Amino acid sequence: MPSAIIVDDSPIMRAQLRKLLGVAGFSIAAEAGAGDQLLGLYEQHRPDLVTLDIVMPGRDGAQAAAELLERHPDAIVVMCTSLNTRDKLEACRRAGVNYYLLKPFNAEHAVAVFRRAVEKKTVAMSPLEVAAPLPSGSNQ
């Protein structure tokens, strides 16, 4: 069974992600409410997948992803966020993130993204996959 770490400052969102990851066949290795906690948890648990919010106390998700992927380039990160501005998308892309799931998300689609991300772990990653289209004019 693949494992996951959930990093989101909202307890409600962590509960929703825990449920969706369970449906997708993942066990939850750890959870955190701040990006500052990600690297230590990743190195302790070595999960197959990390879900990461962008806006959190301390280190934001893009910064946490950049640090994680610099040290562990094979890590699989799915950004789960309500921010859909092009600058945030570009920050995630520069960090090396390949999946970006916009909140609120459709449960079936989220489960499919989580499964697809892990299935692609052993093959070359495609360009950044956005789970929902950016709205037109969203280049802030």
C-alpha atoms as a PDB file:
ATOM      1  CA  MET A   1       0.000   0.000   0.000  1.00  0.00           C
ATOM      2  CA  PRO A   2       1.493   3.389  -0.945  1.00  0.00           C
ATOM      3  CA  SER A   3       1.851   5.978   1.799  1.00  0.00           C
ATOM      4  CA  ALA A   4       1.293   9.731   1.914  1.00  0.00           C
ATOM      5  CA  ILE A   5       2.051  12.787   4.013  1.00  0.00           C
ATOM      6  CA  ILE A   6      -0.565  15.549   4.218  1.00  0.00           C
ATOM      7  CA  VAL A   7       0.634  19.114   4.856  1.00  0.00           C
ATOM      8  CA  ASP A   8      -2.149  21.698   5.197  1.00  0.00           C
ATOM      9  CA  ASP A   9      -2.875  24.231   7.921  1.00  0.00           C
ATOM     10  CA  SER A  10      -6.619  23.465   7.851  1.00  0.00           C
ATOM     11  CA  PRO A  11      -7.680  20.505  10.018  1.00  0.00           C
ATOM     12  CA  ILE A  12     -10.843  20.227   7.907  1.00  0.00           C
ATOM     13  CA  MET A  13      -8.826  19.965   4.691  1.00  0.00           C
ATOM     14  CA  ARG A  14      -6.456  17.436   6.265  1.00  0.00           C
ATOM     15  CA  ALA A  15      -9.488  15.305   7.184  1.00  0.00           C
ATOM     16  CA  GLN A  16     -10.849  15.559   3.635  1.00  0.00           C
ATOM     17  CA  LEU A  17      -7.465  14.642   2.135  1.00  0.00           C
ATOM     18  CA  ARG A  18      -7.096  11.758   4.592  1.00  0.00           C
ATOM     19  CA  LYS A  19     -10.440  10.375   3.395  1.00  0.00           C
ATOM     20  CA  LEU A  20      -9.664  10.852  -0.324  1.00  0.00           C
ATOM     21  CA  LEU A  21      -6.196   9.340  -0.018  1.00  0.00           C
ATOM     22  CA  GLY A  22      -7.733   6.369   1.787  1.00  0.00           C
ATOM     23  CA  VAL A  23     -10.167   5.876  -1.091  1.00  0.00           C
ATOM     24  CA  ALA A  24      -7.183   6.068  -3.477  1.00  0.00           C
ATOM     25  CA  GLY A  25      -5.501   3.244  -1.550  1.00  0.00           C
ATOM     26  CA  PHE A  26      -2.940   5.216   0.478  1.00  0.00           C
ATOM     27  CA  SER A  27      -2.021   4.874   4.122  1.00  0.00           C
ATOM     28  CA  ILE A  28      -1.300   8.148   5.909  1.00  0.00           C
ATOM     29  CA  ALA A  29       2.272   8.193   7.214  1.00  0.00           C
ATOM     30  CA  ALA A  30       2.032  11.637   8.830  1.00  0.00           C
ATOM     31  CA  GLU A  31       0.239  14.984   8.827  1.00  0.00           C
ATOM     32  CA  ALA A  32       1.446  18.518   9.472  1.00  0.00           C
ATOM     33  CA  GLY A  33      -0.036  21.993   9.636  1.00  0.00           C
ATOM     34  CA  ALA A  34       3.001  23.947   8.394  1.00  0.00           C
ATOM     35  CA  GLY A  35       5.507  23.714   5.555  1.00  0.00           C
ATOM     36  CA  ASP A  36       8.383  23.889   8.046  1.00  0.00           C
ATOM     37  CA  GLN A  37       7.546  20.345   9.147  1.00  0.00           C
ATOM     38  CA  LEU A  38       7.635  18.710   5.713  1.00  0.00           C
ATOM     39  CA  LEU A  39      11.310  17.871   5.260  1.00  0.00           C
ATOM     40  CA  GLY A  40      11.692  16.169   8.645  1.00  0.00           C
ATOM     41  CA  LEU A  41       8.526  14.144   8.173  1.00  0.00           C
ATOM     42  CA  TYR A  42       9.518  13.159   4.647  1.00  0.00           C
ATOM     43  CA  GLU A  43      12.952  11.988   5.754  1.00  0.00           C
ATOM     44  CA  GLN A  44      11.432  10.043   8.653  1.00  0.00           C
ATOM     45  CA  HIS A  45       8.657   8.320   6.674  1.00  0.00           C
ATOM     46  CA  ARG A  46       9.775   8.335   2.985  1.00  0.00           C
ATOM     47  CA  PRO A  47       6.201   8.395   1.643  1.00  0.00           C
ATOM     48  CA  ASP A  48       5.204   7.691  -1.927  1.00  0.00           C
ATOM     49  CA  LEU A  49       3.246  10.964  -2.152  1.00  0.00           C
ATOM     50  CA  VAL A  50       3.063  14.355  -0.451  1.00  0.00           C
ATOM     51  CA  THR A  51       0.023  16.644  -0.561  1.00  0.00           C
ATOM     52  CA  LEU A  52       0.967  20.228   0.136  1.00  0.00           C
ATOM     53  CA  ASP A  53      -0.992  23.454   0.537  1.00  0.00           C
ATOM     54  CA  ILE A  54       0.624  26.721  -0.595  1.00  0.00           C
ATOM     55  CA  VAL A  55      -0.501  29.260   2.009  1.00  0.00           C
ATOM     56  CA  MET A  56       0.517  28.102   5.485  1.00  0.00           C
ATOM     57  CA  PRO A  57       2.263  29.513   8.539  1.00  0.00           C
ATOM     58  CA  GLY A  58       6.053  29.532   8.350  1.00  0.00           C
ATOM     59  CA  ARG A  59       7.447  28.208   5.085  1.00  0.00           C
ATOM     60  CA  ASP A  60       4.823  28.267   2.340  1.00  0.00           C
ATOM     61  CA  GLY A  61       4.108  25.235   0.190  1.00  0.00           C
ATOM     62  CA  ALA A  62       6.136  26.390  -2.829  1.00  0.00           C
ATOM     63  CA  GLN A  63       9.199  26.974  -0.624  1.00  0.00           C
ATOM     64  CA  ALA A  64       8.711  23.658   1.199  1.00  0.00           C
ATOM     65  CA  ALA A  65       8.334  21.816  -2.124  1.00  0.00           C
ATOM     66  CA  ALA A  66      11.481  23.447  -3.509  1.00  0.00           C
ATOM     67  CA  GLU A  67      13.508  22.384  -0.461  1.00  0.00           C
ATOM     68  CA  LEU A  68      12.079  18.862  -0.506  1.00  0.00           C
ATOM     69  CA  LEU A  69      12.621  18.336  -4.232  1.00  0.00           C
ATOM     70  CA  GLU A  70      16.145  19.753  -4.093  1.00  0.00           C
ATOM     71  CA  ARG A  71      17.105  17.100  -1.526  1.00  0.00           C
ATOM     72  CA  HIS A  72      14.802  14.349  -2.809  1.00  0.00           C
ATOM     73  CA  PRO A  73      14.201  14.875  -6.538  1.00  0.00           C
ATOM     74  CA  ASP A  74      12.213  11.643  -6.786  1.00  0.00           C
ATOM     75  CA  ALA A  75       9.575  12.867  -4.300  1.00  0.00           C
ATOM     76  CA  ILE A  76       6.045  13.138  -5.682  1.00  0.00           C
ATOM     77  CA  VAL A  77       4.248  16.328  -4.621  1.00  0.00           C
ATOM     78  CA  VAL A  78       0.631  17.231  -5.337  1.00  0.00           C
ATOM     79  CA  MET A  79      -0.097  20.862  -4.510  1.00  0.00           C
ATOM     80  CA  CYS A  80      -3.636  21.074  -3.089  1.00  0.00           C
ATOM     81  CA  THR A  81      -4.581  24.728  -2.941  1.00  0.00           C
ATOM     82  CA  SER A  82      -7.285  27.274  -3.619  1.00  0.00           C
ATOM     83  CA  LEU A  83      -4.746  29.665  -5.164  1.00  0.00           C
ATOM     84  CA  ASN A  84      -4.822  29.576  -8.924  1.00  0.00           C
ATOM     85  CA  THR A  85      -2.831  32.627  -9.928  1.00  0.00           C
ATOM     86  CA  ARG A  86      -0.179  32.164 -12.580  1.00  0.00           C
ATOM     87  CA  ASP A  87       2.585  33.398 -10.261  1.00  0.00           C
ATOM     88  CA  LYS A  88       1.803  30.629  -7.756  1.00  0.00           C
ATOM     89  CA  LEU A  89       1.568  28.063 -10.528  1.00  0.00           C
ATOM     90  CA  GLU A  90       4.944  29.220 -11.847  1.00  0.00           C
ATOM     91  CA  ALA A  91       6.487  29.091  -8.349  1.00  0.00           C
ATOM     92  CA  CYS A  92       5.342  25.472  -8.067  1.00  0.00           C
ATOM     93  CA  ARG A  93       6.694  24.664 -11.526  1.00  0.00           C
ATOM     94  CA  ARG A  94      10.090  26.198 -10.652  1.00  0.00           C
ATOM     95  CA  ALA A  95      10.117  24.149  -7.453  1.00  0.00           C
ATOM     96  CA  GLY A  96       9.727  20.972  -9.517  1.00  0.00           C
ATOM     97  CA  VAL A  97       6.099  20.155  -8.670  1.00  0.00           C
ATOM     98  CA  ASN A  98       4.286  18.139 -11.333  1.00  0.00           C
ATOM     99  CA  TYR A  99       0.714  18.126  -9.988  1.00  0.00           C
ATOM    100  CA  TYR A 100      -1.494  21.021  -8.875  1.00  0.00           C
ATOM    101  CA  LEU A 101      -4.998  20.223  -7.580  1.00  0.00           C
ATOM    102  CA  LEU A 102      -7.342  23.184  -7.095  1.00  0.00           C
ATOM    103  CA  LYS A 103      -9.661  23.368  -4.063  1.00  0.00           C
ATOM    104  CA  PRO A 104     -12.501  22.733  -3.782  1.00  0.00           C
ATOM    105  CA  PHE A 105     -11.917  19.588  -5.773  1.00  0.00           C
ATOM    106  CA  ASN A 106     -14.105  16.854  -7.090  1.00  0.00           C
ATOM    107  CA  ALA A 107     -13.464  13.745  -4.991  1.00  0.00           C
ATOM    108  CA  GLU A 108     -13.268  11.308  -7.915  1.00  0.00           C
ATOM    109  CA  HIS A 109     -10.892  13.576  -9.803  1.00  0.00           C
ATOM    110  CA  ALA A 110      -8.646  14.042  -6.755  1.00  0.00           C
ATOM    111  CA  VAL A 111      -8.444  10.270  -6.228  1.00  0.00           C
ATOM    112  CA  ALA A 112      -7.493   9.827  -9.900  1.00  0.00           C
ATOM    113  CA  VAL A 113      -4.766  12.498  -9.627  1.00  0.00           C
ATOM    114  CA  PHE A 114      -3.271  10.853  -6.524  1.00  0.00           C
ATOM    115  CA  ARG A 115      -3.207   7.440  -8.198  1.00  0.00           C
ATOM    116  CA  ARG A 116      -1.786   8.815 -11.449  1.00  0.00           C
ATOM    117  CA  ALA A 117       0.954  10.699  -9.630  1.00  0.00           C
ATOM    118  CA  VAL A 118       2.232   7.540  -7.949  1.00  0.00           C
ATOM    119  CA  GLU A 119       1.908   5.438 -11.104  1.00  0.00           C
ATOM    120  CA  LYS A 120       4.155   7.913 -12.926  1.00  0.00           C
ATOM    121  CA  LYS A 121       6.748   7.846 -10.149  1.00  0.00           C
ATOM    122  CA  THR A 122       8.928   5.363 -11.992  1.00  0.00           C
ATOM    123  CA  VAL A 123       8.731   7.090 -15.371  1.00  0.00           C
ATOM    124  CA  ALA A 124       9.854  10.489 -16.587  1.00  0.00           C
ATOM    125  CA  MET A 125       7.518  13.173 -15.321  1.00  0.00           C
ATOM    126  CA  SER A 126       5.338  15.059 -17.734  1.00  0.00           C
ATOM    127  CA  PRO A 127       5.103  18.841 -17.654  1.00  0.00           C
ATOM    128  CA  LEU A 128       3.116  20.297 -14.796  1.00  0.00           C
ATOM    129  CA  GLU A 129      -0.375  18.840 -14.777  1.00  0.00           C
ATOM    130  CA  VAL A 130      -3.084  21.164 -13.544  1.00  0.00           C
ATOM    131  CA  ALA A 131      -6.119  19.303 -12.253  1.00  0.00           C
ATOM    132  CA  ALA A 132      -8.440  22.165 -13.128  1.00  0.00           C
ATOM    133  CA  PRO A 133      -7.978  24.847 -15.781  1.00  0.00           C
ATOM    134  CA  LEU A 134      -6.820  28.263 -14.709  1.00  0.00           C
ATOM    135  CA  PRO A 135      -9.562  30.836 -15.230  1.00  0.00           C
ATOM    136  CA  SER A 136      -8.977  33.149 -18.171  1.00  0.00           C
ATOM    137  CA  GLY A 137      -7.402  36.421 -17.156  1.00  0.00           C
ATOM    138  CA  SER A 138      -5.782  34.825 -14.107  1.00  0.00           C
ATOM    139  CA  ASN A 139      -2.263  36.055 -14.728  1.00  0.00           C
ATOM    140  CA  GLN A 140      -1.889  38.028 -11.509  1.00  0.00           C
END
